[in-house]
C-alpha cells in the first residue's frame, strides 16, 4: 500500500511543479494562448484533486501504527494544493480584470469614435447650413439690388411722366390761348365787316 502512496506522491510532485510553472507563465501571456493555458491548469488541478482523493483512500488502508506518518504527508500535500488553488484563483481574477478592463477600454473607444462621428456630422451640417445661409444672403443682396434698380427706374419714369404732363399742359394752354385769339380776331373782322356794310349803306 505504501508503494502506491509513494507513486501517487511522485505524480503529485510532477503535476504540482508543472502547475506552478504554468501559473507563473499566465500573466505573461495574452489572448487565446492565455485562455488555453488557464483551461489546462484547471484540468490539471482537477487531476491533482482526484490524486489526493486516491492518496486519502490509500492512507485509510494503511495499518494504524504506520498511518500517522502518511496522514501528515497527505495533510501537507492538501495544504500545498490549497495554496496552488488560491494562487490560481488570484491569477484568474487579475486576468479577468484585465479582460474587463480591455473590454471597457474598447467600449469607451467605440463611444469616443461614435461621438467623434456625431461631432463630424454636426460640423458638416453646420458647414452646409452656413453655405446655404451664405447663398441665401447672396440671393437676397442680388434681389435687393434688382428691387433698387426697379425703384430707380420707376422714379425716373415718374419724373418723365411728370415732365410730359407739364409739357402737355403747357401745349394745351397754348392751344386754348390760340383758339381764343383766333375767336377774338374773327369777331373783330366780322364786326369790321358789319360796320363797313352799315356805313356803306348809310352813305347811300
N, C-alpha and C. Protein backbone atom coordinates (compact mmCIF):
# COMPACT_ATOMS: atom_id res chain seq x y z
N UNK A 1 0.81 -1.20 0.00
CA UNK A 1 0.00 0.00 0.00
C UNK A 1 0.85 1.26 0.00
N UNK A 2 1.90 1.29 0.81
CA UNK A 2 2.75 2.46 0.88
C UNK A 2 3.42 2.75 -0.44
N UNK A 3 3.68 1.69 -1.21
CA UNK A 3 4.31 1.89 -2.52
C UNK A 3 3.35 2.62 -3.46
N UNK A 4 2.06 2.30 -3.37
CA UNK A 4 1.07 3.02 -4.18
C UNK A 4 1.01 4.48 -3.76
N UNK A 5 1.05 4.71 -2.45
CA UNK A 5 1.01 6.09 -1.94
C UNK A 5 2.21 6.88 -2.45
N UNK A 6 3.39 6.23 -2.42
CA UNK A 6 4.59 6.90 -2.88
C UNK A 6 4.54 7.18 -4.39
N UNK A 7 3.90 6.30 -5.13
CA UNK A 7 3.72 6.53 -6.58
C UNK A 7 2.81 7.75 -6.80
N UNK A 8 1.75 7.81 -5.97
CA UNK A 8 0.87 8.97 -6.05
C UNK A 8 1.62 10.26 -5.68
N UNK A 9 2.53 10.13 -4.69
CA UNK A 9 3.34 11.29 -4.29
C UNK A 9 4.18 11.80 -5.46
N UNK A 10 4.78 10.88 -6.19
CA UNK A 10 5.60 11.28 -7.35
C UNK A 10 4.74 11.99 -8.40
N UNK A 11 3.56 11.42 -8.65
CA UNK A 11 2.63 12.05 -9.61
C UNK A 11 2.22 13.44 -9.12
N UNK A 12 1.96 13.52 -7.79
CA UNK A 12 1.58 14.81 -7.20
C UNK A 12 2.69 15.83 -7.39
N UNK A 13 3.94 15.44 -7.10
CA UNK A 13 5.06 16.36 -7.25
C UNK A 13 5.24 16.83 -8.67
N UNK A 14 5.10 15.89 -9.63
CA UNK A 14 5.25 16.24 -11.05
C UNK A 14 4.15 17.22 -11.49
N UNK A 15 2.90 16.88 -11.11
CA UNK A 15 1.77 17.73 -11.53
C UNK A 15 1.85 19.12 -10.90
N UNK A 16 2.11 19.18 -9.59
CA UNK A 16 2.13 20.49 -8.92
C UNK A 16 3.28 21.37 -9.42
N UNK A 17 4.41 20.73 -9.75
CA UNK A 17 5.54 21.51 -10.29
C UNK A 17 5.16 22.09 -11.65
N UNK A 18 4.50 21.27 -12.46
CA UNK A 18 4.08 21.75 -13.79
C UNK A 18 3.03 22.86 -13.66
N UNK A 19 2.09 22.67 -12.70
CA UNK A 19 1.05 23.69 -12.48
C UNK A 19 1.66 24.99 -12.00
N UNK A 20 2.62 24.91 -11.07
CA UNK A 20 3.29 26.11 -10.55
C UNK A 20 3.99 26.86 -11.68
N UNK A 21 4.64 26.13 -12.56
CA UNK A 21 5.32 26.74 -13.71
C UNK A 21 4.32 27.45 -14.63
N UNK A 22 3.20 26.78 -14.87
CA UNK A 22 2.19 27.36 -15.78
C UNK A 22 1.51 28.58 -15.16
N UNK A 23 1.25 28.51 -13.84
CA UNK A 23 0.63 29.66 -13.17
C UNK A 23 1.55 30.88 -13.27
N UNK A 24 2.86 30.65 -13.18
CA UNK A 24 3.81 31.75 -13.32
C UNK A 24 3.85 32.32 -14.73
N UNK A 25 3.50 31.52 -15.74
CA UNK A 25 3.53 31.97 -17.13
C UNK A 25 2.26 32.72 -17.55
N UNK A 26 1.15 32.46 -16.85
CA UNK A 26 -0.15 33.02 -17.27
C UNK A 26 -0.13 34.54 -17.39
N UNK A 27 0.40 35.29 -16.40
CA UNK A 27 0.36 36.77 -16.53
C UNK A 27 1.15 37.31 -17.72
N UNK A 28 2.10 36.52 -18.23
CA UNK A 28 2.93 36.99 -19.33
C UNK A 28 2.28 36.78 -20.70
N UNK A 29 1.20 36.00 -20.70
CA UNK A 29 0.54 35.68 -21.96
C UNK A 29 -0.69 36.57 -22.18
N UNK A 30 -1.26 36.45 -23.38
CA UNK A 30 -2.45 37.24 -23.70
C UNK A 30 -3.30 36.49 -24.71
N UNK A 31 -4.56 36.90 -24.78
CA UNK A 31 -5.46 36.36 -25.80
C UNK A 31 -5.74 34.88 -25.65
N UNK A 32 -5.81 34.20 -26.80
CA UNK A 32 -6.17 32.79 -26.85
C UNK A 32 -5.15 31.91 -26.13
N UNK A 33 -3.88 32.27 -26.22
CA UNK A 33 -2.84 31.48 -25.58
C UNK A 33 -3.03 31.45 -24.06
N UNK A 34 -3.36 32.62 -23.48
CA UNK A 34 -3.61 32.68 -22.04
C UNK A 34 -4.84 31.87 -21.67
N UNK A 35 -5.91 31.98 -22.46
CA UNK A 35 -7.15 31.24 -22.19
C UNK A 35 -6.89 29.74 -22.19
N UNK A 36 -6.14 29.25 -23.18
CA UNK A 36 -5.84 27.82 -23.27
C UNK A 36 -5.02 27.34 -22.08
N UNK A 37 -4.06 28.17 -21.64
CA UNK A 37 -3.23 27.78 -20.51
C UNK A 37 -4.05 27.73 -19.22
N UNK A 38 -4.97 28.67 -19.04
CA UNK A 38 -5.85 28.68 -17.87
C UNK A 38 -6.71 27.42 -17.84
N UNK A 39 -7.25 27.05 -18.99
CA UNK A 39 -8.07 25.83 -19.07
C UNK A 39 -7.23 24.59 -18.76
N UNK A 40 -5.99 24.58 -19.24
CA UNK A 40 -5.08 23.45 -19.00
C UNK A 40 -4.77 23.31 -17.51
N UNK A 41 -4.52 24.45 -16.84
CA UNK A 41 -4.24 24.42 -15.40
C UNK A 41 -5.48 23.96 -14.64
N UNK A 42 -6.65 24.41 -15.05
CA UNK A 42 -7.89 23.96 -14.42
C UNK A 42 -8.01 22.43 -14.48
N UNK A 43 -7.70 21.89 -15.65
CA UNK A 43 -7.78 20.44 -15.84
C UNK A 43 -6.77 19.71 -14.96
N UNK A 44 -5.54 20.25 -14.89
CA UNK A 44 -4.51 19.61 -14.07
C UNK A 44 -4.85 19.68 -12.58
N UNK A 45 -5.42 20.79 -12.15
CA UNK A 45 -5.83 20.90 -10.75
C UNK A 45 -6.90 19.87 -10.41
N UNK A 46 -7.79 19.61 -11.34
CA UNK A 46 -8.80 18.57 -11.13
C UNK A 46 -8.13 17.20 -11.00
N UNK A 47 -7.08 16.97 -11.80
CA UNK A 47 -6.33 15.71 -11.70
C UNK A 47 -5.67 15.59 -10.33
N UNK A 48 -5.13 16.72 -9.83
CA UNK A 48 -4.49 16.70 -8.51
C UNK A 48 -5.52 16.40 -7.43
N UNK A 49 -6.72 16.96 -7.54
CA UNK A 49 -7.76 16.68 -6.56
C UNK A 49 -8.10 15.19 -6.53
N UNK A 50 -8.25 14.62 -7.72
CA UNK A 50 -8.52 13.18 -7.80
C UNK A 50 -7.36 12.38 -7.21
N UNK A 51 -6.15 12.86 -7.46
CA UNK A 51 -4.97 12.18 -6.94
C UNK A 51 -4.95 12.21 -5.41
N UNK A 52 -5.31 13.36 -4.84
CA UNK A 52 -5.37 13.48 -3.39
C UNK A 52 -6.45 12.58 -2.81
N UNK A 53 -7.57 12.43 -3.52
CA UNK A 53 -8.62 11.52 -3.06
C UNK A 53 -8.10 10.08 -3.03
N UNK A 54 -7.34 9.70 -4.08
CA UNK A 54 -6.76 8.36 -4.11
C UNK A 54 -5.76 8.17 -2.97
N UNK A 55 -4.97 9.21 -2.71
CA UNK A 55 -4.00 9.14 -1.62
C UNK A 55 -4.71 9.02 -0.27
N UNK A 56 -5.84 9.72 -0.13
CA UNK A 56 -6.62 9.65 1.10
C UNK A 56 -7.16 8.24 1.31
N UNK A 57 -7.63 7.64 0.22
CA UNK A 57 -8.12 6.26 0.31
C UNK A 57 -6.99 5.30 0.69
N UNK A 58 -5.80 5.53 0.12
CA UNK A 58 -4.65 4.68 0.42
C UNK A 58 -4.27 4.79 1.89
N UNK A 59 -4.31 6.03 2.44
CA UNK A 59 -3.96 6.23 3.85
C UNK A 59 -4.90 5.46 4.75
N UNK A 60 -6.16 5.43 4.39
CA UNK A 60 -7.14 4.73 5.21
C UNK A 60 -6.89 3.21 5.23
N UNK A 61 -6.24 2.72 4.17
CA UNK A 61 -5.96 1.29 4.09
C UNK A 61 -4.67 0.91 4.80
N UNK A 62 -3.85 1.91 5.14
CA UNK A 62 -2.58 1.64 5.79
C UNK A 62 -2.84 1.29 7.27
N UNK A 63 -2.11 0.35 7.82
CA UNK A 63 -2.29 -0.01 9.24
C UNK A 63 -2.13 1.20 10.15
N UNK A 64 -2.85 1.17 11.26
CA UNK A 64 -2.92 2.33 12.16
C UNK A 64 -1.56 2.72 12.67
N UNK A 65 -0.69 1.75 12.95
CA UNK A 65 0.62 2.07 13.51
C UNK A 65 1.50 2.84 12.52
N UNK A 66 1.23 2.71 11.19
CA UNK A 66 2.03 3.42 10.18
C UNK A 66 1.26 4.59 9.55
N UNK A 67 -0.01 4.71 9.88
CA UNK A 67 -0.88 5.67 9.20
C UNK A 67 -0.53 7.12 9.54
N UNK A 68 -0.05 7.41 10.73
CA UNK A 68 0.20 8.79 11.15
C UNK A 68 1.17 9.53 10.24
N UNK A 69 2.26 8.85 9.86
CA UNK A 69 3.27 9.50 9.01
C UNK A 69 2.67 9.87 7.65
N UNK A 70 1.89 8.93 7.08
CA UNK A 70 1.30 9.19 5.76
C UNK A 70 0.19 10.25 5.83
N UNK A 71 -0.54 10.22 6.95
CA UNK A 71 -1.59 11.24 7.13
C UNK A 71 -0.98 12.64 7.19
N UNK A 72 0.16 12.75 7.87
CA UNK A 72 0.83 14.04 7.98
C UNK A 72 1.32 14.51 6.61
N UNK A 73 1.87 13.58 5.82
CA UNK A 73 2.34 13.94 4.47
C UNK A 73 1.16 14.34 3.59
N UNK A 74 0.06 13.58 3.71
CA UNK A 74 -1.13 13.91 2.92
C UNK A 74 -1.66 15.29 3.29
N UNK A 75 -1.64 15.61 4.59
CA UNK A 75 -2.13 16.91 5.04
C UNK A 75 -1.30 18.05 4.43
N UNK A 76 0.05 17.84 4.40
CA UNK A 76 0.91 18.87 3.81
C UNK A 76 0.65 19.02 2.31
N UNK A 77 0.33 17.90 1.64
CA UNK A 77 0.01 17.96 0.20
C UNK A 77 -1.29 18.73 -0.03
N UNK A 78 -2.26 18.47 0.86
CA UNK A 78 -3.54 19.20 0.74
C UNK A 78 -3.34 20.71 0.96
N UNK A 79 -2.49 21.07 1.91
CA UNK A 79 -2.19 22.48 2.16
C UNK A 79 -1.50 23.11 0.94
N UNK A 80 -0.59 22.36 0.35
CA UNK A 80 0.10 22.84 -0.86
C UNK A 80 -0.90 23.03 -1.99
N UNK A 81 -1.86 22.09 -2.07
CA UNK A 81 -2.90 22.18 -3.09
C UNK A 81 -3.76 23.43 -2.89
N UNK A 82 -4.09 23.72 -1.62
CA UNK A 82 -4.90 24.91 -1.32
C UNK A 82 -4.17 26.19 -1.74
N UNK A 83 -2.86 26.22 -1.46
CA UNK A 83 -2.06 27.38 -1.86
C UNK A 83 -2.07 27.55 -3.37
N UNK A 84 -1.89 26.42 -4.09
CA UNK A 84 -1.91 26.48 -5.55
C UNK A 84 -3.25 27.00 -6.07
N UNK A 85 -4.34 26.49 -5.48
CA UNK A 85 -5.68 26.92 -5.92
C UNK A 85 -5.90 28.40 -5.65
N UNK A 86 -5.47 28.88 -4.47
CA UNK A 86 -5.62 30.30 -4.15
C UNK A 86 -4.82 31.17 -5.12
N UNK A 87 -3.59 30.73 -5.39
CA UNK A 87 -2.74 31.48 -6.32
C UNK A 87 -3.36 31.51 -7.71
N UNK A 88 -3.91 30.35 -8.11
CA UNK A 88 -4.53 30.26 -9.44
C UNK A 88 -5.77 31.13 -9.53
N UNK A 89 -6.59 31.13 -8.46
CA UNK A 89 -7.80 31.98 -8.43
C UNK A 89 -7.41 33.45 -8.51
N UNK A 90 -6.35 33.81 -7.79
CA UNK A 90 -5.88 35.21 -7.82
C UNK A 90 -5.43 35.60 -9.22
N UNK A 91 -4.68 34.69 -9.86
CA UNK A 91 -4.20 34.95 -11.24
C UNK A 91 -5.38 35.09 -12.19
N UNK A 92 -6.38 34.20 -12.02
CA UNK A 92 -7.56 34.26 -12.90
C UNK A 92 -8.34 35.55 -12.70
N UNK A 93 -8.44 36.00 -11.43
CA UNK A 93 -9.14 37.25 -11.16
C UNK A 93 -8.44 38.44 -11.82
N UNK A 94 -7.12 38.44 -11.74
CA UNK A 94 -6.34 39.50 -12.39
C UNK A 94 -6.56 39.46 -13.90
N UNK A 95 -6.51 38.24 -14.45
CA UNK A 95 -6.71 38.09 -15.90
C UNK A 95 -8.11 38.54 -16.30
N UNK A 96 -9.11 38.18 -15.44
CA UNK A 96 -10.49 38.60 -15.74
C UNK A 96 -10.61 40.12 -15.68
N UNK A 97 -9.95 40.73 -14.68
CA UNK A 97 -9.98 42.19 -14.57
C UNK A 97 -9.33 42.84 -15.78
N UNK A 98 -8.24 42.23 -16.26
CA UNK A 98 -7.57 42.78 -17.45
C UNK A 98 -8.49 42.69 -18.66
N UNK A 99 -9.18 41.52 -18.78
CA UNK A 99 -10.10 41.35 -19.91
C UNK A 99 -11.23 42.37 -19.83
N UNK A 100 -11.79 42.52 -18.59
CA UNK A 100 -12.87 43.50 -18.41
C UNK A 100 -12.37 44.91 -18.67
N UNK A 101 -11.12 45.17 -18.23
CA UNK A 101 -10.54 46.50 -18.47
C UNK A 101 -10.37 46.78 -19.94
N UNK A 102 -9.89 45.76 -20.68
CA UNK A 102 -9.74 45.94 -22.14
C UNK A 102 -11.08 46.12 -22.81
N UNK A 103 -12.08 45.33 -22.32
CA UNK A 103 -13.43 45.46 -22.89
C UNK A 103 -13.98 46.85 -22.62
N UNK A 104 -13.76 47.34 -21.37
CA UNK A 104 -14.22 48.68 -21.02
C UNK A 104 -13.52 49.73 -21.85
N UNK A 105 -12.21 49.53 -22.06
CA UNK A 105 -11.44 50.46 -22.88
C UNK A 105 -11.93 50.47 -24.31
N UNK A 106 -12.20 49.25 -24.83
CA UNK A 106 -12.72 49.16 -26.20
C UNK A 106 -14.09 49.83 -26.30
N UNK A 107 -14.92 49.62 -25.26
CA UNK A 107 -16.25 50.23 -25.24
C UNK A 107 -16.13 51.75 -25.23
N UNK A 108 -15.22 52.26 -24.38
CA UNK A 108 -15.01 53.71 -24.33
C UNK A 108 -14.47 54.24 -25.64
N UNK A 109 -13.57 53.45 -26.26
CA UNK A 109 -13.01 53.86 -27.56
C UNK A 109 -14.11 53.94 -28.61
N UNK A 110 -15.00 52.92 -28.61
CA UNK A 110 -16.11 52.92 -29.56
C UNK A 110 -17.03 54.10 -29.31
N UNK A 111 -17.30 54.38 -28.00
CA UNK A 111 -18.16 55.54 -27.68
C UNK A 111 -17.51 56.83 -28.16
N UNK A 112 -16.18 56.92 -27.95
CA UNK A 112 -15.46 58.11 -28.38
C UNK A 112 -15.51 58.26 -29.89
N UNK A 113 -15.37 57.13 -30.60
CA UNK A 113 -15.44 57.17 -32.06
C UNK A 113 -16.83 57.58 -32.52
N UNK A 114 -17.87 57.03 -31.84
CA UNK A 114 -19.24 57.41 -32.21
C UNK A 114 -19.47 58.90 -31.96
N UNK A 115 -18.97 59.38 -30.81
CA UNK A 115 -19.11 60.81 -30.50
C UNK A 115 -18.37 61.66 -31.52
N UNK A 116 -17.17 61.16 -31.93
CA UNK A 116 -16.39 61.89 -32.92
C UNK A 116 -17.12 61.94 -34.25
N UNK A 117 -17.74 60.80 -34.61
CA UNK A 117 -18.50 60.77 -35.88
C UNK A 117 -19.70 61.71 -35.80
N UNK A 118 -20.38 61.74 -34.62
CA UNK A 118 -21.51 62.66 -34.47
C UNK A 118 -21.06 64.12 -34.55
N UNK A 119 -19.93 64.42 -33.92
CA UNK A 119 -19.40 65.78 -33.98
C UNK A 119 -19.04 66.16 -35.41
N UNK A 120 -18.43 65.19 -36.12
CA UNK A 120 -18.05 65.45 -37.51
C UNK A 120 -19.28 65.69 -38.37
N UNK A 121 -20.33 64.84 -38.12
CA UNK A 121 -21.58 65.03 -38.87
C UNK A 121 -22.21 66.38 -38.53
N UNK A 122 -22.18 66.75 -37.23
CA UNK A 122 -22.72 68.05 -36.83
C UNK A 122 -21.96 69.20 -37.45
N UNK A 123 -20.62 69.04 -37.50
CA UNK A 123 -19.79 70.08 -38.12
C UNK A 123 -20.12 70.21 -39.61
N UNK A 124 -20.30 69.04 -40.27
CA UNK A 124 -20.63 69.05 -41.69
C UNK A 124 -21.96 69.75 -41.93
N UNK A 125 -22.95 69.44 -41.05
CA UNK A 125 -24.26 70.09 -41.17
C UNK A 125 -24.13 71.59 -40.97
N UNK A 126 -23.29 71.98 -39.99
CA UNK A 126 -23.09 73.41 -39.72
C UNK A 126 -22.46 74.10 -40.93
N UNK A 127 -21.47 73.42 -41.54
CA UNK A 127 -20.82 73.99 -42.74
C UNK A 127 -21.81 74.12 -43.87
N UNK A 128 -22.62 73.06 -44.08
CA UNK A 128 -23.62 73.10 -45.15
C UNK A 128 -24.66 74.18 -44.87
N UNK A 129 -25.06 74.31 -43.59
CA UNK A 129 -26.03 75.35 -43.22
C UNK A 129 -25.46 76.74 -43.47
N UNK A 130 -24.17 76.90 -43.14
CA UNK A 130 -23.51 78.18 -43.37
C UNK A 130 -23.46 78.50 -44.87
N UNK A 131 -23.17 77.45 -45.67
CA UNK A 131 -23.13 77.65 -47.13
C UNK A 131 -24.50 78.05 -47.66
N UNK A 132 -25.54 77.35 -47.16
CA UNK A 132 -26.91 77.67 -47.60
C UNK A 132 -27.25 79.10 -47.17
N UNK A 133 -26.90 79.45 -45.93
CA UNK A 133 -27.16 80.81 -45.44
C UNK A 133 -26.44 81.85 -46.27
N UNK A 134 -25.19 81.54 -46.65
CA UNK A 134 -24.43 82.47 -47.47
C UNK A 134 -25.07 82.65 -48.84
N UNK A 135 -25.54 81.51 -49.41
CA UNK A 135 -26.23 81.58 -50.70
C UNK A 135 -27.51 82.42 -50.59
N UNK A 136 -28.26 82.21 -49.49
CA UNK A 136 -29.50 82.98 -49.29
C UNK A 136 -29.18 84.47 -49.17
N UNK A 137 -28.12 84.81 -48.40
CA UNK A 137 -27.73 86.21 -48.26
C UNK A 137 -27.32 86.81 -49.60
N UNK A 138 -26.58 86.01 -50.38
CA UNK A 138 -26.16 86.48 -51.71
C UNK A 138 -27.38 86.74 -52.60
N UNK A 139 -28.34 85.78 -52.55
CA UNK A 139 -29.56 85.94 -53.35
C UNK A 139 -30.36 87.15 -52.87
N UNK A 140 -30.45 87.33 -51.56
CA UNK A 140 -31.18 88.49 -51.02
C UNK A 140 -30.52 89.80 -51.44
N UNK A 141 -29.18 89.80 -51.40
CA UNK A 141 -28.46 91.01 -51.83
C UNK A 141 -28.72 91.30 -53.30
N UNK A 142 -28.71 90.22 -54.13
CA UNK A 142 -28.98 90.38 -55.56
C UNK A 142 -30.40 90.88 -55.78
N UNK A 143 -31.37 90.27 -55.04
CA UNK A 143 -32.77 90.71 -55.18
C UNK A 143 -32.93 92.16 -54.72
N UNK A 144 -32.21 92.53 -53.66
CA UNK A 144 -32.28 93.91 -53.16
C UNK A 144 -31.80 94.89 -54.23
N UNK A 145 -30.69 94.50 -54.90
CA UNK A 145 -30.17 95.37 -55.97
C UNK A 145 -31.17 95.49 -57.11
N UNK A 146 -31.81 94.35 -57.46
CA UNK A 146 -32.82 94.37 -58.54
C UNK A 146 -33.99 95.28 -58.15
N UNK A 147 -34.46 95.13 -56.90
CA UNK A 147 -35.57 95.97 -56.43
C UNK A 147 -35.18 97.44 -56.44
N UNK A 148 -33.93 97.72 -56.02
CA UNK A 148 -33.46 99.10 -56.01
C UNK A 148 -33.42 99.69 -57.42
N UNK A 149 -32.93 98.86 -58.36
CA UNK A 149 -32.90 99.32 -59.77
C UNK A 149 -34.31 99.56 -60.30
N UNK A 150 -35.24 98.67 -59.93
CA UNK A 150 -36.62 98.84 -60.37
C UNK A 150 -37.22 100.12 -59.79
N UNK A 151 -36.90 100.39 -58.51
CA UNK A 151 -37.39 101.64 -57.91
C UNK A 151 -36.81 102.85 -58.61
N UNK A 152 -35.51 102.77 -58.93
CA UNK A 152 -34.88 103.90 -59.64
C UNK A 152 -35.55 104.14 -60.99
N UNK A 153 -35.83 103.01 -61.68
CA UNK A 153 -36.49 103.16 -63.00
C UNK A 153 -37.89 103.73 -62.83
N UNK A 154 -38.60 103.29 -61.76
CA UNK A 154 -39.94 103.84 -61.51
C UNK A 154 -39.88 105.33 -61.21
N UNK A 155 -38.89 105.73 -60.39
CA UNK A 155 -38.74 107.16 -60.11
C UNK A 155 -38.45 107.94 -61.39
N UNK A 156 -37.58 107.36 -62.22
CA UNK A 156 -37.23 108.03 -63.48
C UNK A 156 -38.46 108.13 -64.39
N UNK A 157 -39.24 107.03 -64.41
CA UNK A 157 -40.46 107.03 -65.24
C UNK A 157 -41.46 108.05 -64.70
N UNK A 158 -41.59 108.10 -63.35
CA UNK A 158 -42.49 109.10 -62.76
C UNK A 158 -42.04 110.51 -63.11
N UNK A 159 -40.73 110.74 -63.06
CA UNK A 159 -40.20 112.07 -63.40
C UNK A 159 -40.50 112.40 -64.84
N UNK A 160 -40.29 111.41 -65.73
CA UNK A 160 -40.56 111.63 -67.16
C UNK A 160 -42.04 111.88 -67.40
N UNK A 161 -42.89 111.10 -66.67
CA UNK A 161 -44.33 111.31 -66.83
C UNK A 161 -44.74 112.70 -66.34
N UNK A 162 -44.12 113.15 -65.23
CA UNK A 162 -44.43 114.49 -64.73
C UNK A 162 -44.01 115.57 -65.72
N UNK A 163 -42.81 115.35 -66.28
CA UNK A 163 -42.33 116.31 -67.27
C UNK A 163 -43.24 116.34 -68.50
N UNK A 164 -43.63 115.12 -68.95
CA UNK A 164 -44.53 115.04 -70.12
C UNK A 164 -45.86 115.69 -69.81
N UNK A 165 -46.35 115.47 -68.57
CA UNK A 165 -47.62 116.06 -68.18
C UNK A 165 -47.55 117.58 -68.20
N UNK A 166 -46.42 118.11 -67.69
CA UNK A 166 -46.27 119.58 -67.71
C UNK A 166 -46.20 120.12 -69.14
N UNK A 167 -45.50 119.39 -70.01
CA UNK A 167 -45.40 119.82 -71.42
C UNK A 167 -46.77 119.82 -72.07
N UNK A 168 -47.52 118.70 -71.83
CA UNK A 168 -48.86 118.60 -72.43
C UNK A 168 -49.78 119.70 -71.91
N UNK A 169 -49.66 119.96 -70.60
CA UNK A 169 -50.49 121.03 -70.01
C UNK A 169 -50.15 122.39 -70.65
N UNK A 170 -48.86 122.62 -70.84
CA UNK A 170 -48.42 123.88 -71.47
C UNK A 170 -48.92 123.98 -72.90
N UNK A 171 -48.82 122.86 -73.64
CA UNK A 171 -49.29 122.86 -75.03
C UNK A 171 -50.79 123.09 -75.08
N UNK A 172 -51.53 122.45 -74.16
CA UNK A 172 -52.98 122.61 -74.14
C UNK A 172 -53.35 124.05 -73.84
N UNK A 173 -52.60 124.65 -72.91
CA UNK A 173 -52.86 126.05 -72.57
C UNK A 173 -52.63 126.94 -73.80
N UNK A 174 -51.52 126.68 -74.50
CA UNK A 174 -51.23 127.48 -75.70
C UNK A 174 -52.30 127.27 -76.78
N UNK A 175 -52.76 126.06 -76.92
CA UNK A 175 -53.81 125.79 -77.93
C UNK A 175 -55.08 126.58 -77.58
N UNK A 176 -55.43 126.56 -76.29
CA UNK A 176 -56.62 127.30 -75.86
C UNK A 176 -56.44 128.80 -76.09
N UNK A 177 -55.24 129.27 -75.74
CA UNK A 177 -54.96 130.70 -75.95
C UNK A 177 -55.05 131.05 -77.43
N UNK A 178 -54.46 130.17 -78.27
CA UNK A 178 -54.52 130.45 -79.72
C UNK A 178 -55.95 130.44 -80.23
N UNK A 179 -56.76 129.55 -79.74
CA UNK A 179 -58.15 129.48 -80.18
C UNK A 179 -58.91 130.75 -79.74
N UNK A 180 -58.61 131.19 -78.52
CA UNK A 180 -59.26 132.43 -78.03
C UNK A 180 -58.86 133.61 -78.91
N UNK A 181 -57.55 133.64 -79.23
CA UNK A 181 -57.08 134.74 -80.09
C UNK A 181 -57.74 134.67 -81.46
N UNK A 182 -57.84 133.47 -82.00
CA UNK A 182 -58.50 133.32 -83.32
C UNK A 182 -59.96 133.75 -83.23
N UNK A 183 -60.63 133.36 -82.14
CA UNK A 183 -62.03 133.73 -81.96
C UNK A 183 -62.18 135.26 -81.87
N UNK A 184 -61.29 135.86 -81.07
CA UNK A 184 -61.35 137.34 -80.93
C UNK A 184 -61.07 138.01 -82.27
N UNK A 185 -60.02 137.48 -82.95
CA UNK A 185 -59.67 138.06 -84.25
C UNK A 185 -60.83 137.91 -85.24
N UNK A 186 -61.46 136.79 -85.24
CA UNK A 186 -62.60 136.54 -86.13
C UNK A 186 -63.75 137.49 -85.81
N UNK A 187 -63.98 137.67 -84.48
CA UNK A 187 -65.06 138.57 -84.06
C UNK A 187 -64.78 139.99 -84.50
N UNK A 188 -63.50 140.44 -84.40
CA UNK A 188 -63.13 141.80 -84.80
C UNK A 188 -63.33 141.95 -86.31
N UNK A 189 -62.89 140.94 -87.04
CA UNK A 189 -63.05 141.01 -88.52
C UNK A 189 -64.51 141.06 -88.88
N UNK A 190 -65.30 140.22 -88.21
CA UNK A 190 -66.73 140.18 -88.50
C UNK A 190 -67.38 141.52 -88.15
N UNK A 191 -67.00 142.10 -87.02
CA UNK A 191 -67.55 143.40 -86.61
C UNK A 191 -67.14 144.48 -87.59
N UNK A 192 -65.91 144.42 -88.08
CA UNK A 192 -65.40 145.40 -89.05
C UNK A 192 -66.22 145.34 -90.34
N UNK A 193 -66.48 144.11 -90.74
CA UNK A 193 -67.26 143.92 -91.99
C UNK A 193 -68.67 144.47 -91.82
N UNK A 194 -69.25 144.15 -90.67
CA UNK A 194 -70.63 144.62 -90.42
C UNK A 194 -70.67 146.14 -90.37
N UNK A 195 -69.72 146.75 -89.73
CA UNK A 195 -69.68 148.21 -89.64
C UNK A 195 -69.44 148.84 -91.02
N UNK A 196 -68.58 148.19 -91.79
CA UNK A 196 -68.30 148.71 -93.13
C UNK A 196 -69.55 148.67 -93.98
N UNK A 197 -70.31 147.61 -93.88
CA UNK A 197 -71.55 147.47 -94.67
C UNK A 197 -72.57 148.52 -94.18
N UNK A 198 -72.61 148.66 -92.87
CA UNK A 198 -73.57 149.60 -92.30
C UNK A 198 -73.28 151.01 -92.77
N UNK A 199 -72.05 151.44 -92.64
CA UNK A 199 -71.70 152.81 -93.06
C UNK A 199 -71.82 152.97 -94.57
N UNK A 200 -71.57 151.95 -95.29
CA UNK A 200 -71.70 152.00 -96.74
C UNK A 200 -73.16 152.19 -97.14
N UNK A 201 -74.05 151.48 -96.52
CA UNK A 201 -75.47 151.59 -96.80
C UNK A 201 -76.02 152.97 -96.34
N UNK A 202 -75.52 153.41 -95.26
CA UNK A 202 -75.96 154.67 -94.72
C UNK A 202 -75.52 155.83 -95.60
N UNK A 203 -74.39 155.71 -96.24
CA UNK A 203 -73.90 156.78 -97.10
C UNK A 203 -74.75 156.93 -98.35
N UNK A 204 -75.37 155.90 -98.77
CA UNK A 204 -76.23 155.98 -99.94
C UNK A 204 -77.57 156.53 -99.56
